[in-house]
Amino acid sequence: MLIIAFVNGLISTIKYCTIKLVVLTYLFVFRMYI
């Protein structure tokens, strides 16, 4: 059960980092166009 909790936490962290990266990239591109 501990391994499953660890994997779930890892997936959440990766998802969070991916979303943050996408948002930062979007903001950067948005600034370049203006």
PDB file of N, CA and C in Angstrom:
ATOM      1  N   MET A   1       0.838  -1.213   0.000  1.00  0.00           N
ATOM      2  CA  MET A   1       0.000   0.000   0.000  1.00  0.00           C
ATOM      3  C   MET A   1       0.869   1.259   0.000  1.00  0.00           C
ATOM      4  N   LEU A   2       2.012   1.199   0.658  1.00  0.00           N
ATOM      5  CA  LEU A   2       2.899   2.358   0.740  1.00  0.00           C
ATOM      6  C   LEU A   2       3.440   2.712  -0.638  1.00  0.00           C
ATOM      7  N   ILE A   3       3.749   1.680  -1.435  1.00  0.00           N
ATOM      8  CA  ILE A   3       4.290   1.909  -2.785  1.00  0.00           C
ATOM      9  C   ILE A   3       3.244   2.609  -3.664  1.00  0.00           C
ATOM     10  N   ILE A   4       1.971   2.179  -3.541  1.00  0.00           N
ATOM     11  CA  ILE A   4       0.901   2.775  -4.340  1.00  0.00           C
ATOM     12  C   ILE A   4       0.750   4.261  -3.985  1.00  0.00           C
ATOM     13  N   ALA A   5       0.800   4.569  -2.685  1.00  0.00           N
ATOM     14  CA  ALA A   5       0.691   5.965  -2.238  1.00  0.00           C
ATOM     15  C   ALA A   5       1.858   6.785  -2.782  1.00  0.00           C
ATOM     16  N   PHE A   6       3.045   6.192  -2.768  1.00  0.00           N
ATOM     17  CA  PHE A   6       4.244   6.884  -3.270  1.00  0.00           C
ATOM     18  C   PHE A   6       4.114   7.168  -4.758  1.00  0.00           C
ATOM     19  N   VAL A   7       3.650   6.183  -5.533  1.00  0.00           N
ATOM     20  CA  VAL A   7       3.484   6.352  -6.980  1.00  0.00           C
ATOM     21  C   VAL A   7       2.427   7.412  -7.269  1.00  0.00           C
ATOM     22  N   ASN A   8       1.325   7.392  -6.504  1.00  0.00           N
ATOM     23  CA  ASN A   8       0.279   8.401  -6.695  1.00  0.00           C
ATOM     24  C   ASN A   8       0.814   9.805  -6.423  1.00  0.00           C
ATOM     25  N   GLY A   9       1.620   9.948  -5.382  1.00  0.00           N
ATOM     26  CA  GLY A   9       2.222  11.238  -5.052  1.00  0.00           C
ATOM     27  C   GLY A   9       3.160  11.702  -6.151  1.00  0.00           C
ATOM     28  N   LEU A  10       3.911  10.750  -6.699  1.00  0.00           N
ATOM     29  CA  LEU A  10       4.862  11.062  -7.772  1.00  0.00           C
ATOM     30  C   LEU A  10       4.117  11.547  -9.015  1.00  0.00           C
ATOM     31  N   ILE A  11       3.017  10.865  -9.350  1.00  0.00           N
ATOM     32  CA  ILE A  11       2.213  11.246 -10.525  1.00  0.00           C
ATOM     33  C   ILE A  11       1.625  12.646 -10.325  1.00  0.00           C
ATOM     34  N   SER A  12       1.139  12.928  -9.117  1.00  0.00           N
ATOM     35  CA  SER A  12       0.577  14.260  -8.838  1.00  0.00           C
ATOM     36  C   SER A  12       1.641  15.335  -9.005  1.00  0.00           C
ATOM     37  N   THR A  13       2.841  15.061  -8.513  1.00  0.00           N
ATOM     38  CA  THR A  13       3.939  16.021  -8.606  1.00  0.00           C
ATOM     39  C   THR A  13       4.306  16.271 -10.062  1.00  0.00           C
ATOM     40  N   ILE A  14       4.384  15.200 -10.855  1.00  0.00           N
ATOM     41  CA  ILE A  14       4.729  15.333 -12.273  1.00  0.00           C
ATOM     42  C   ILE A  14       3.650  16.135 -13.002  1.00  0.00           C
ATOM     43  N   LYS A  15       2.383  15.833 -12.694  1.00  0.00           N
ATOM     44  CA  LYS A  15       1.269  16.566 -13.324  1.00  0.00           C
ATOM     45  C   LYS A  15       1.359  18.049 -12.980  1.00  0.00           C
ATOM     46  N   TYR A  16       1.619  18.359 -11.696  1.00  0.00           N
ATOM     47  CA  TYR A  16       1.703  19.741 -11.246  1.00  0.00           C
ATOM     48  C   TYR A  16       2.838  20.471 -11.958  1.00  0.00           C
ATOM     49  N   CYS A  17       3.997  19.822 -12.044  1.00  0.00           N
ATOM     50  CA  CYS A  17       5.151  20.439 -12.706  1.00  0.00           C
ATOM     51  C   CYS A  17       4.884  20.648 -14.195  1.00  0.00           C
ATOM     52  N   THR A  18       4.208  19.684 -14.820  1.00  0.00           N
ATOM     53  CA  THR A  18       3.898  19.797 -16.245  1.00  0.00           C
ATOM     54  C   THR A  18       2.957  20.982 -16.491  1.00  0.00           C
ATOM     55  N   ILE A  19       1.929  21.110 -15.643  1.00  0.00           N
ATOM     56  CA  ILE A  19       0.974  22.213 -15.787  1.00  0.00           C
ATOM     57  C   ILE A  19       1.699  23.547 -15.608  1.00  0.00           C
ATOM     58  N   LYS A  20       2.588  23.621 -14.601  1.00  0.00           N
ATOM     59  CA  LYS A  20       3.345  24.842 -14.342  1.00  0.00           C
ATOM     60  C   LYS A  20       4.216  25.207 -15.551  1.00  0.00           C
ATOM     61  N   LEU A  21       4.856  24.195 -16.127  1.00  0.00           N
ATOM     62  CA  LEU A  21       5.708  24.416 -17.306  1.00  0.00           C
ATOM     63  C   LEU A  21       4.887  24.930 -18.480  1.00  0.00           C
ATOM     64  N   VAL A  22       3.726  24.323 -18.704  1.00  0.00           N
ATOM     65  CA  VAL A  22       2.859  24.731 -19.815  1.00  0.00           C
ATOM     66  C   VAL A  22       2.411  26.182 -19.626  1.00  0.00           C
ATOM     67  N   VAL A  23       2.025  26.538 -18.407  1.00  0.00           N
ATOM     68  CA  VAL A  23       1.570  27.903 -18.126  1.00  0.00           C
ATOM     69  C   VAL A  23       2.708  28.905 -18.351  1.00  0.00           C
ATOM     70  N   LEU A  24       3.905  28.574 -17.861  1.00  0.00           N
ATOM     71  CA  LEU A  24       5.057  29.470 -18.038  1.00  0.00           C
ATOM     72  C   LEU A  24       5.401  29.640 -19.515  1.00  0.00           C
ATOM     73  N   THR A  25       5.358  28.536 -20.255  1.00  0.00           N
ATOM     74  CA  THR A  25       5.652  28.592 -21.692  1.00  0.00           C
ATOM     75  C   THR A  25       4.613  29.450 -22.404  1.00  0.00           C
ATOM     76  N   TYR A  26       3.340  29.261 -22.038  1.00  0.00           N
ATOM     77  CA  TYR A  26       2.256  30.024 -22.646  1.00  0.00           C
ATOM     78  C   TYR A  26       2.427  31.521 -22.386  1.00  0.00           C
ATOM     79  N   LEU A  27       2.775  31.870 -21.129  1.00  0.00           N
ATOM     80  CA  LEU A  27       2.986  33.276 -20.788  1.00  0.00           C
ATOM     81  C   LEU A  27       4.164  33.857 -21.557  1.00  0.00           C
ATOM     82  N   PHE A  28       5.235  33.073 -21.690  1.00  0.00           N
ATOM     83  CA  PHE A  28       6.424  33.528 -22.407  1.00  0.00           C
ATOM     84  C   PHE A  28       6.096  33.797 -23.873  1.00  0.00           C
ATOM     85  N   VAL A  29       5.390  32.867 -24.519  1.00  0.00           N
ATOM     86  CA  VAL A  29       5.006  33.026 -25.927  1.00  0.00           C
ATOM     87  C   VAL A  29       4.064  34.217 -26.078  1.00  0.00           C
ATOM     88  N   PHE A  30       3.129  34.355 -25.129  1.00  0.00           N
ATOM     89  CA  PHE A  30       2.172  35.454 -25.153  1.00  0.00           C
ATOM     90  C   PHE A  30       2.903  36.797 -25.110  1.00  0.00           C
ATOM     91  N   ARG A  31       3.955  36.890 -24.283  1.00  0.00           N
ATOM     92  CA  ARG A  31       4.732  38.130 -24.173  1.00  0.00           C
ATOM     93  C   ARG A  31       5.506  38.418 -25.453  1.00  0.00           C
ATOM     94  N   MET A  32       5.995  37.373 -26.089  1.00  0.00           N
ATOM     95  CA  MET A  32       6.770  37.543 -27.324  1.00  0.00           C
ATOM     96  C   MET A  32       5.912  38.159 -28.427  1.00  0.00           C
ATOM     97  N   TYR A  33       4.620  37.771 -28.449  1.00  0.00           N
ATOM     98  CA  TYR A  33       3.737  38.268 -29.511  1.00  0.00           C
ATOM     99  C   TYR A  33       3.311  39.708 -29.299  1.00  0.00           C
ATOM    100  N   ILE A  34       3.320  40.166 -28.046  1.00  0.00           N
ATOM    101  CA  ILE A  34       2.855  41.537 -27.774  1.00  0.00           C
ATOM    102  C   ILE A  34       3.985  42.541 -27.945  1.00  0.00           C
TER     103      ILE A  34
END
